[in-house]
Amino acid sequence: MIDNRLLKVSEYINGDTLLDVGSDHAYLAIYAVQNDLVKNAICGEVVNGPYENSLKNVRLNMLDDKIDVRLGSGLLVLDNEKIDTITICGMGGPLIADIIEEGFVKLINKPRFILSANTFAEPIRRVLVNRGYHVVDETIVKDEKKELYYETIVMDYGKEEYSEEEFYFGPINLEKRSEMFLERLNGEAEHLNTVIETINNKSKNKSGLDVLESRYKRIKAVLDNENK
């Protein structure tokens, strides 16, 4: 029922209660309950269609007594409840960071966060580090069908300091330098280089070029260090 990306996320789930934000048919919550990773779960959906789909799947699996599907925005679906693990998957990093920032006030304890972003994970690290969290693990999974890389970041409560490069690329990613991490960076560097050359050679409008060049240089510095 769940793909490799969500399977990797499930490996980090702990405790009794899971909150899955943007639950995508409640697949992860259903898997977690059926495989005894948690005792119960809450699925949050902000749009009525996905909410109905999640509700239908929970009922089909006869898990109404263990999985509560709620219509609402992000962490705001919580109602003075203790949560052990929060998962937010399949979105861009900035949106995930916004969801955390918007609803963090609803938390009455310090749950584990497992975030799976398909773009720009840096804001996720910043928003949670600013709230006393630290990075426990980071992995990257590729969706071969969509040609997308998903960066999974696991964060627990406990303060730790990070450099700008660690915020940008991830402290565990930089430490492990996994094959998938380097593959993603190489692909991004090639793409950025093509875009920069196109703008320089064919476009009169150079706005945004400095941002692209800065990101390209940062990525190249990591890759060049790998090749030394």
C-alpha atoms as a PDB file:
ATOM      1  CA  MET A   1       0.000   0.000   0.000  1.00  0.00           C
ATOM      2  CA  ILE A   2       2.815   2.449   0.749  1.00  0.00           C
ATOM      3  CA  ASP A   3       5.755   3.312  -1.488  1.00  0.00           C
ATOM      4  CA  ASN A   4       9.454   3.254  -0.620  1.00  0.00           C
ATOM      5  CA  ARG A   5       9.368   6.905   0.441  1.00  0.00           C
ATOM      6  CA  LEU A   6       6.675   6.356   3.077  1.00  0.00           C
ATOM      7  CA  LEU A   7       8.207   3.024   4.052  1.00  0.00           C
ATOM      8  CA  LYS A   8      11.424   4.873   4.920  1.00  0.00           C
ATOM      9  CA  VAL A   9       9.415   7.423   6.928  1.00  0.00           C
ATOM     10  CA  SER A  10       7.686   4.614   8.831  1.00  0.00           C
ATOM     11  CA  GLU A  11      11.051   3.298  10.074  1.00  0.00           C
ATOM     12  CA  TYR A  12      11.412   6.370  12.305  1.00  0.00           C
ATOM     13  CA  ILE A  13       7.925   6.407  13.859  1.00  0.00           C
ATOM     14  CA  ASN A  14       7.882   5.868  17.626  1.00  0.00           C
ATOM     15  CA  GLY A  15       5.517   6.148  20.575  1.00  0.00           C
ATOM     16  CA  ASP A  16       1.804   5.449  20.837  1.00  0.00           C
ATOM     17  CA  THR A  17       0.174   8.207  18.791  1.00  0.00           C
ATOM     18  CA  LEU A  18       0.918   9.469  15.273  1.00  0.00           C
ATOM     19  CA  LEU A  19      -0.265  12.691  13.648  1.00  0.00           C
ATOM     20  CA  ASP A  20       0.058  12.552   9.860  1.00  0.00           C
ATOM     21  CA  VAL A  21      -0.498  15.921   8.187  1.00  0.00           C
ATOM     22  CA  GLY A  22      -1.626  15.820   4.549  1.00  0.00           C
ATOM     23  CA  SER A  23      -2.165  12.099   4.899  1.00  0.00           C
ATOM     24  CA  ASP A  24      -2.627  11.099   1.219  1.00  0.00           C
ATOM     25  CA  HIS A  25      -5.483   8.584   1.609  1.00  0.00           C
ATOM     26  CA  ALA A  26      -4.276   7.767   5.170  1.00  0.00           C
ATOM     27  CA  TYR A  27      -1.836   5.216   3.740  1.00  0.00           C
ATOM     28  CA  LEU A  28       0.928   5.862   6.283  1.00  0.00           C
ATOM     29  CA  ALA A  29      -1.400   5.927   9.290  1.00  0.00           C
ATOM     30  CA  ILE A  30      -3.087   2.689   8.214  1.00  0.00           C
ATOM     31  CA  TYR A  31       0.285   1.004   7.699  1.00  0.00           C
ATOM     32  CA  ALA A  32       1.579   2.235  11.057  1.00  0.00           C
ATOM     33  CA  VAL A  33      -1.450   0.940  12.979  1.00  0.00           C
ATOM     34  CA  GLN A  34      -1.668  -2.376  11.111  1.00  0.00           C
ATOM     35  CA  ASN A  35       2.026  -3.053  11.736  1.00  0.00           C
ATOM     36  CA  ASP A  36       1.882  -2.063  15.425  1.00  0.00           C
ATOM     37  CA  LEU A  37       4.173   0.931  14.996  1.00  0.00           C
ATOM     38  CA  VAL A  38       1.606   3.008  16.922  1.00  0.00           C
ATOM     39  CA  LYS A  39      -1.579   2.305  18.845  1.00  0.00           C
ATOM     40  CA  ASN A  40      -3.599   5.069  17.208  1.00  0.00           C
ATOM     41  CA  ALA A  41      -3.297   7.892  14.717  1.00  0.00           C
ATOM     42  CA  ILE A  42      -4.773  11.206  13.648  1.00  0.00           C
ATOM     43  CA  CYS A  43      -4.884  12.143   9.956  1.00  0.00           C
ATOM     44  CA  GLY A  44      -5.196  15.811   9.085  1.00  0.00           C
ATOM     45  CA  GLU A  45      -6.446  17.072   5.719  1.00  0.00           C
ATOM     46  CA  VAL A  46      -7.050  20.709   4.818  1.00  0.00           C
ATOM     47  CA  VAL A  47      -9.155  20.020   1.684  1.00  0.00           C
ATOM     48  CA  ASN A  48     -12.477  18.181   1.676  1.00  0.00           C
ATOM     49  CA  GLY A  49     -11.679  15.755  -1.194  1.00  0.00           C
ATOM     50  CA  PRO A  50      -8.536  14.247   0.389  1.00  0.00           C
ATOM     51  CA  TYR A  51     -10.353  14.248   3.746  1.00  0.00           C
ATOM     52  CA  GLU A  52     -13.144  12.102   2.297  1.00  0.00           C
ATOM     53  CA  ASN A  53     -10.615   9.771   0.623  1.00  0.00           C
ATOM     54  CA  SER A  54      -8.752   9.239   3.900  1.00  0.00           C
ATOM     55  CA  LEU A  55     -12.003   8.674   5.765  1.00  0.00           C
ATOM     56  CA  LYS A  56     -13.070   6.078   3.179  1.00  0.00           C
ATOM     57  CA  ASN A  57      -9.776   4.170   3.391  1.00  0.00           C
ATOM     58  CA  VAL A  58      -9.831   4.095   7.181  1.00  0.00           C
ATOM     59  CA  ARG A  59     -13.362   2.678   7.120  1.00  0.00           C
ATOM     60  CA  LEU A  60     -12.465   0.104   4.438  1.00  0.00           C
ATOM     61  CA  ASN A  61      -9.688  -1.127   6.703  1.00  0.00           C
ATOM     62  CA  MET A  62     -12.049  -1.131   9.704  1.00  0.00           C
ATOM     63  CA  LEU A  63      -9.794   1.147  11.719  1.00  0.00           C
ATOM     64  CA  ASP A  64     -12.338   3.800  12.721  1.00  0.00           C
ATOM     65  CA  ASP A  65     -11.613   3.106  16.391  1.00  0.00           C
ATOM     66  CA  LYS A  66      -7.861   3.673  15.991  1.00  0.00           C
ATOM     67  CA  ILE A  67      -7.504   6.333  13.275  1.00  0.00           C
ATOM     68  CA  ASP A  68      -9.259   9.689  13.566  1.00  0.00           C
ATOM     69  CA  VAL A  69      -9.480  11.639  10.290  1.00  0.00           C
ATOM     70  CA  ARG A  70      -9.897  15.386  10.774  1.00  0.00           C
ATOM     71  CA  LEU A  71     -10.538  18.305   8.453  1.00  0.00           C
ATOM     72  CA  GLY A  72      -8.285  21.244   9.284  1.00  0.00           C
ATOM     73  CA  SER A  73      -5.008  23.035   8.673  1.00  0.00           C
ATOM     74  CA  GLY A  74      -1.832  21.223   9.704  1.00  0.00           C
ATOM     75  CA  LEU A  75      -1.162  20.972  13.445  1.00  0.00           C
ATOM     76  CA  LEU A  76      -4.263  23.054  14.148  1.00  0.00           C
ATOM     77  CA  VAL A  77      -6.354  19.842  14.018  1.00  0.00           C
ATOM     78  CA  LEU A  78      -4.966  18.963  17.458  1.00  0.00           C
ATOM     79  CA  ASP A  79      -7.129  19.513  20.514  1.00  0.00           C
ATOM     80  CA  ASN A  80      -4.986  19.448  23.664  1.00  0.00           C
ATOM     81  CA  GLU A  81      -3.651  15.966  22.832  1.00  0.00           C
ATOM     82  CA  LYS A  82      -0.273  14.345  23.447  1.00  0.00           C
ATOM     83  CA  ILE A  83       1.356  13.283  20.175  1.00  0.00           C
ATOM     84  CA  ASP A  84       4.472  11.117  19.990  1.00  0.00           C
ATOM     85  CA  THR A  85       5.331  11.438  16.287  1.00  0.00           C
ATOM     86  CA  ILE A  86       4.323  13.998  13.650  1.00  0.00           C
ATOM     87  CA  THR A  87       4.802  13.221   9.960  1.00  0.00           C
ATOM     88  CA  ILE A  88       4.454  15.750   7.133  1.00  0.00           C
ATOM     89  CA  CYS A  89       5.346  14.234   3.764  1.00  0.00           C
ATOM     90  CA  GLY A  90       5.384  14.930   0.039  1.00  0.00           C
ATOM     91  CA  MET A  91       5.438  18.739   0.156  1.00  0.00           C
ATOM     92  CA  GLY A  92       8.004  21.441  -0.437  1.00  0.00           C
ATOM     93  CA  GLY A  93      10.265  22.428   2.434  1.00  0.00           C
ATOM     94  CA  PRO A  94       8.941  26.004   2.747  1.00  0.00           C
ATOM     95  CA  LEU A  95       5.330  24.763   3.002  1.00  0.00           C
ATOM     96  CA  ILE A  96       6.260  22.169   5.636  1.00  0.00           C
ATOM     97  CA  ALA A  97       8.076  24.883   7.615  1.00  0.00           C
ATOM     98  CA  ASP A  98       5.005  27.150   7.381  1.00  0.00           C
ATOM     99  CA  ILE A  99       2.743  24.341   8.655  1.00  0.00           C
ATOM    100  CA  ILE A 100       5.014  23.793  11.657  1.00  0.00           C
ATOM    101  CA  GLU A 101       5.260  27.520  12.389  1.00  0.00           C
ATOM    102  CA  GLU A 102       1.503  28.011  12.119  1.00  0.00           C
ATOM    103  CA  GLY A 103       0.513  25.195  14.455  1.00  0.00           C
ATOM    104  CA  PHE A 104       3.443  24.681  16.834  1.00  0.00           C
ATOM    105  CA  VAL A 105       1.488  26.463  19.566  1.00  0.00           C
ATOM    106  CA  LYS A 106      -0.973  23.517  19.571  1.00  0.00           C
ATOM    107  CA  LEU A 107       1.647  21.075  20.862  1.00  0.00           C
ATOM    108  CA  ILE A 108       1.461  20.226  24.563  1.00  0.00           C
ATOM    109  CA  ASN A 109       4.588  18.017  24.492  1.00  0.00           C
ATOM    110  CA  LYS A 110       7.748  17.652  22.383  1.00  0.00           C
ATOM    111  CA  PRO A 111       6.988  15.024  19.708  1.00  0.00           C
ATOM    112  CA  ARG A 112       9.376  13.617  17.143  1.00  0.00           C
ATOM    113  CA  PHE A 113       9.050  15.234  13.704  1.00  0.00           C
ATOM    114  CA  ILE A 114       9.565  13.217  10.517  1.00  0.00           C
ATOM    115  CA  LEU A 115       9.465  15.511   7.493  1.00  0.00           C
ATOM    116  CA  SER A 116       9.749  14.347   3.880  1.00  0.00           C
ATOM    117  CA  ALA A 117      10.332  17.261   1.491  1.00  0.00           C
ATOM    118  CA  ASN A 118      10.589  17.228  -2.303  1.00  0.00           C
ATOM    119  CA  THR A 119      12.243  20.669  -2.486  1.00  0.00           C
ATOM    120  CA  PHE A 120      14.339  23.059  -0.352  1.00  0.00           C
ATOM    121  CA  ALA A 121      14.530  21.349   3.045  1.00  0.00           C
ATOM    122  CA  GLU A 122      16.577  24.140   4.640  1.00  0.00           C
ATOM    123  CA  PRO A 123      13.573  26.037   6.140  1.00  0.00           C
ATOM    124  CA  ILE A 124      12.453  22.868   7.938  1.00  0.00           C
ATOM    125  CA  ARG A 125      15.711  22.604   9.844  1.00  0.00           C
ATOM    126  CA  ARG A 126      15.681  26.281  10.742  1.00  0.00           C
ATOM    127  CA  VAL A 127      12.106  26.422  12.014  1.00  0.00           C
ATOM    128  CA  LEU A 128      12.570  23.434  14.322  1.00  0.00           C
ATOM    129  CA  VAL A 129      16.110  24.260  15.493  1.00  0.00           C
ATOM    130  CA  ASN A 130      14.748  27.688  16.462  1.00  0.00           C
ATOM    131  CA  ARG A 131      12.279  25.808  18.664  1.00  0.00           C
ATOM    132  CA  GLY A 132      14.894  23.699  20.419  1.00  0.00           C
ATOM    133  CA  TYR A 133      15.042  20.665  18.132  1.00  0.00           C
ATOM    134  CA  HIS A 134      18.030  18.876  16.581  1.00  0.00           C
ATOM    135  CA  VAL A 135      18.520  16.583  13.587  1.00  0.00           C
ATOM    136  CA  VAL A 136      18.575  12.856  14.432  1.00  0.00           C
ATOM    137  CA  ASP A 137      18.854  11.436  10.928  1.00  0.00           C
ATOM    138  CA  GLU A 138      18.496  12.361   7.255  1.00  0.00           C
ATOM    139  CA  THR A 139      17.956  10.138   4.243  1.00  0.00           C
ATOM    140  CA  ILE A 140      17.118  10.703   0.587  1.00  0.00           C
ATOM    141  CA  VAL A 141      14.780   8.484  -1.425  1.00  0.00           C
ATOM    142  CA  LYS A 142      14.214   8.803  -5.172  1.00  0.00           C
ATOM    143  CA  ASP A 143      10.803   8.340  -6.767  1.00  0.00           C
ATOM    144  CA  GLU A 144      11.843   6.776 -10.082  1.00  0.00           C
ATOM    145  CA  LYS A 145       8.429   7.328 -11.690  1.00  0.00           C
ATOM    146  CA  LYS A 146       8.258  11.050 -10.908  1.00  0.00           C
ATOM    147  CA  GLU A 147      12.034  11.614 -11.097  1.00  0.00           C
ATOM    148  CA  LEU A 148      11.817  13.378  -7.730  1.00  0.00           C
ATOM    149  CA  TYR A 149      14.117  13.199  -4.710  1.00  0.00           C
ATOM    150  CA  TYR A 150      12.510  13.218  -1.274  1.00  0.00           C
ATOM    151  CA  GLU A 151      14.637  14.301   1.664  1.00  0.00           C
ATOM    152  CA  THR A 152      13.488  12.786   4.942  1.00  0.00           C
ATOM    153  CA  ILE A 153      14.548  14.672   8.070  1.00  0.00           C
ATOM    154  CA  VAL A 154      14.024  13.249  11.560  1.00  0.00           C
ATOM    155  CA  MET A 155      14.142  15.751  14.431  1.00  0.00           C
ATOM    156  CA  ASP A 156      13.814  15.293  18.193  1.00  0.00           C
ATOM    157  CA  TYR A 157      13.706  17.863  20.973  1.00  0.00           C
ATOM    158  CA  GLY A 158      17.137  18.881  22.268  1.00  0.00           C
ATOM    159  CA  LYS A 159      19.253  21.867  21.345  1.00  0.00           C
ATOM    160  CA  GLU A 160      22.228  21.699  19.002  1.00  0.00           C
ATOM    161  CA  GLU A 161      24.127  24.317  16.991  1.00  0.00           C
ATOM    162  CA  TYR A 162      24.557  24.104  13.210  1.00  0.00           C
ATOM    163  CA  SER A 163      26.634  25.909  10.598  1.00  0.00           C
ATOM    164  CA  GLU A 164      25.057  27.572   7.578  1.00  0.00           C
ATOM    165  CA  GLU A 165      26.157  24.666   5.377  1.00  0.00           C
ATOM    166  CA  GLU A 166      24.566  22.184   7.776  1.00  0.00           C
ATOM    167  CA  PHE A 167      21.280  24.095   7.667  1.00  0.00           C
ATOM    168  CA  TYR A 168      21.524  24.217   3.896  1.00  0.00           C
ATOM    169  CA  PHE A 169      22.465  20.629   3.090  1.00  0.00           C
ATOM    170  CA  GLY A 170      21.778  18.820   6.355  1.00  0.00           C
ATOM    171  CA  PRO A 171      24.346  17.825   8.992  1.00  0.00           C
ATOM    172  CA  ILE A 172      23.761  14.080   8.581  1.00  0.00           C
ATOM    173  CA  ASN A 173      23.728  14.341   4.787  1.00  0.00           C
ATOM    174  CA  LEU A 174      27.114  16.074   4.881  1.00  0.00           C
ATOM    175  CA  GLU A 175      28.455  13.483   7.297  1.00  0.00           C
ATOM    176  CA  LYS A 176      27.176  10.379   5.479  1.00  0.00           C
ATOM    177  CA  ARG A 177      27.516  11.697   1.905  1.00  0.00           C
ATOM    178  CA  SER A 178      25.310   8.886   0.654  1.00  0.00           C
ATOM    179  CA  GLU A 179      25.221   7.889  -2.994  1.00  0.00           C
ATOM    180  CA  MET A 180      21.696   9.292  -3.333  1.00  0.00           C
ATOM    181  CA  PHE A 181      22.681  12.604  -1.717  1.00  0.00           C
ATOM    182  CA  LEU A 182      25.595  13.071  -4.134  1.00  0.00           C
ATOM    183  CA  GLU A 183      23.490  11.943  -7.102  1.00  0.00           C
ATOM    184  CA  ARG A 184      20.872  14.563  -6.286  1.00  0.00           C
ATOM    185  CA  LEU A 185      23.501  17.295  -5.883  1.00  0.00           C
ATOM    186  CA  ASN A 186      25.174  16.380  -9.183  1.00  0.00           C
ATOM    187  CA  GLY A 187      21.845  16.533 -10.978  1.00  0.00           C
ATOM    188  CA  GLU A 188      20.983  19.875  -9.418  1.00  0.00           C
ATOM    189  CA  ALA A 189      24.418  21.302 -10.252  1.00  0.00           C
ATOM    190  CA  GLU A 190      24.051  20.281 -13.900  1.00  0.00           C
ATOM    191  CA  HIS A 191      20.583  21.802 -14.093  1.00  0.00           C
ATOM    192  CA  LEU A 192      21.671  25.061 -12.446  1.00  0.00           C
ATOM    193  CA  ASN A 193      24.687  25.335 -14.719  1.00  0.00           C
ATOM    194  CA  THR A 194      22.469  24.970 -17.796  1.00  0.00           C
ATOM    195  CA  VAL A 195      20.027  27.604 -16.546  1.00  0.00           C
ATOM    196  CA  ILE A 196      22.835  30.038 -15.668  1.00  0.00           C
ATOM    197  CA  GLU A 197      24.468  29.626 -19.093  1.00  0.00           C
ATOM    198  CA  THR A 198      21.113  30.156 -20.828  1.00  0.00           C
ATOM    199  CA  ILE A 199      20.440  33.367 -18.888  1.00  0.00           C
ATOM    200  CA  ASN A 200      23.957  34.680 -19.539  1.00  0.00           C
ATOM    201  CA  ASN A 201      23.874  33.897 -23.265  1.00  0.00           C
ATOM    202  CA  LYS A 202      20.273  34.560 -24.260  1.00  0.00           C
ATOM    203  CA  SER A 203      18.476  36.682 -21.694  1.00  0.00           C
ATOM    204  CA  LYS A 204      18.621  40.419 -21.145  1.00  0.00           C
ATOM    205  CA  ASN A 205      16.860  40.030 -17.816  1.00  0.00           C
ATOM    206  CA  LYS A 206      19.470  38.888 -15.275  1.00  0.00           C
ATOM    207  CA  SER A 207      17.206  39.120 -12.206  1.00  0.00           C
ATOM    208  CA  GLY A 208      17.627  36.158  -9.907  1.00  0.00           C
ATOM    209  CA  LEU A 209      20.927  35.170 -11.507  1.00  0.00           C
ATOM    210  CA  ASP A 210      22.906  35.923  -8.346  1.00  0.00           C
ATOM    211  CA  VAL A 211      20.710  33.549  -6.332  1.00  0.00           C
ATOM    212  CA  LEU A 212      21.211  30.746  -8.860  1.00  0.00           C
ATOM    213  CA  GLU A 213      24.966  31.326  -8.992  1.00  0.00           C
ATOM    214  CA  SER A 214      25.198  31.326  -5.195  1.00  0.00           C
ATOM    215  CA  ARG A 215      23.358  27.993  -4.941  1.00  0.00           C
ATOM    216  CA  TYR A 216      25.489  26.505  -7.732  1.00  0.00           C
ATOM    217  CA  LYS A 217      28.726  27.531  -5.976  1.00  0.00           C
ATOM    218  CA  ARG A 218      27.539  26.033  -2.684  1.00  0.00           C
ATOM    219  CA  ILE A 219      26.696  22.716  -4.314  1.00  0.00           C
ATOM    220  CA  LYS A 220      29.951  22.635  -6.271  1.00  0.00           C
ATOM    221  CA  ALA A 221      31.936  23.241  -3.069  1.00  0.00           C
ATOM    222  CA  VAL A 222      30.412  20.109  -1.513  1.00  0.00           C
ATOM    223  CA  LEU A 223      30.970  18.044  -4.663  1.00  0.00           C
ATOM    224  CA  ASP A 224      34.530  19.297  -5.166  1.00  0.00           C
ATOM    225  CA  ASN A 225      35.331  18.408  -1.563  1.00  0.00           C
ATOM    226  CA  GLU A 226      34.031  14.898  -2.256  1.00  0.00           C
ATOM    227  CA  ASN A 227      36.383  14.509  -5.221  1.00  0.00           C
ATOM    228  CA  LYS A 228      39.544  15.590  -3.378  1.00  0.00           C
END
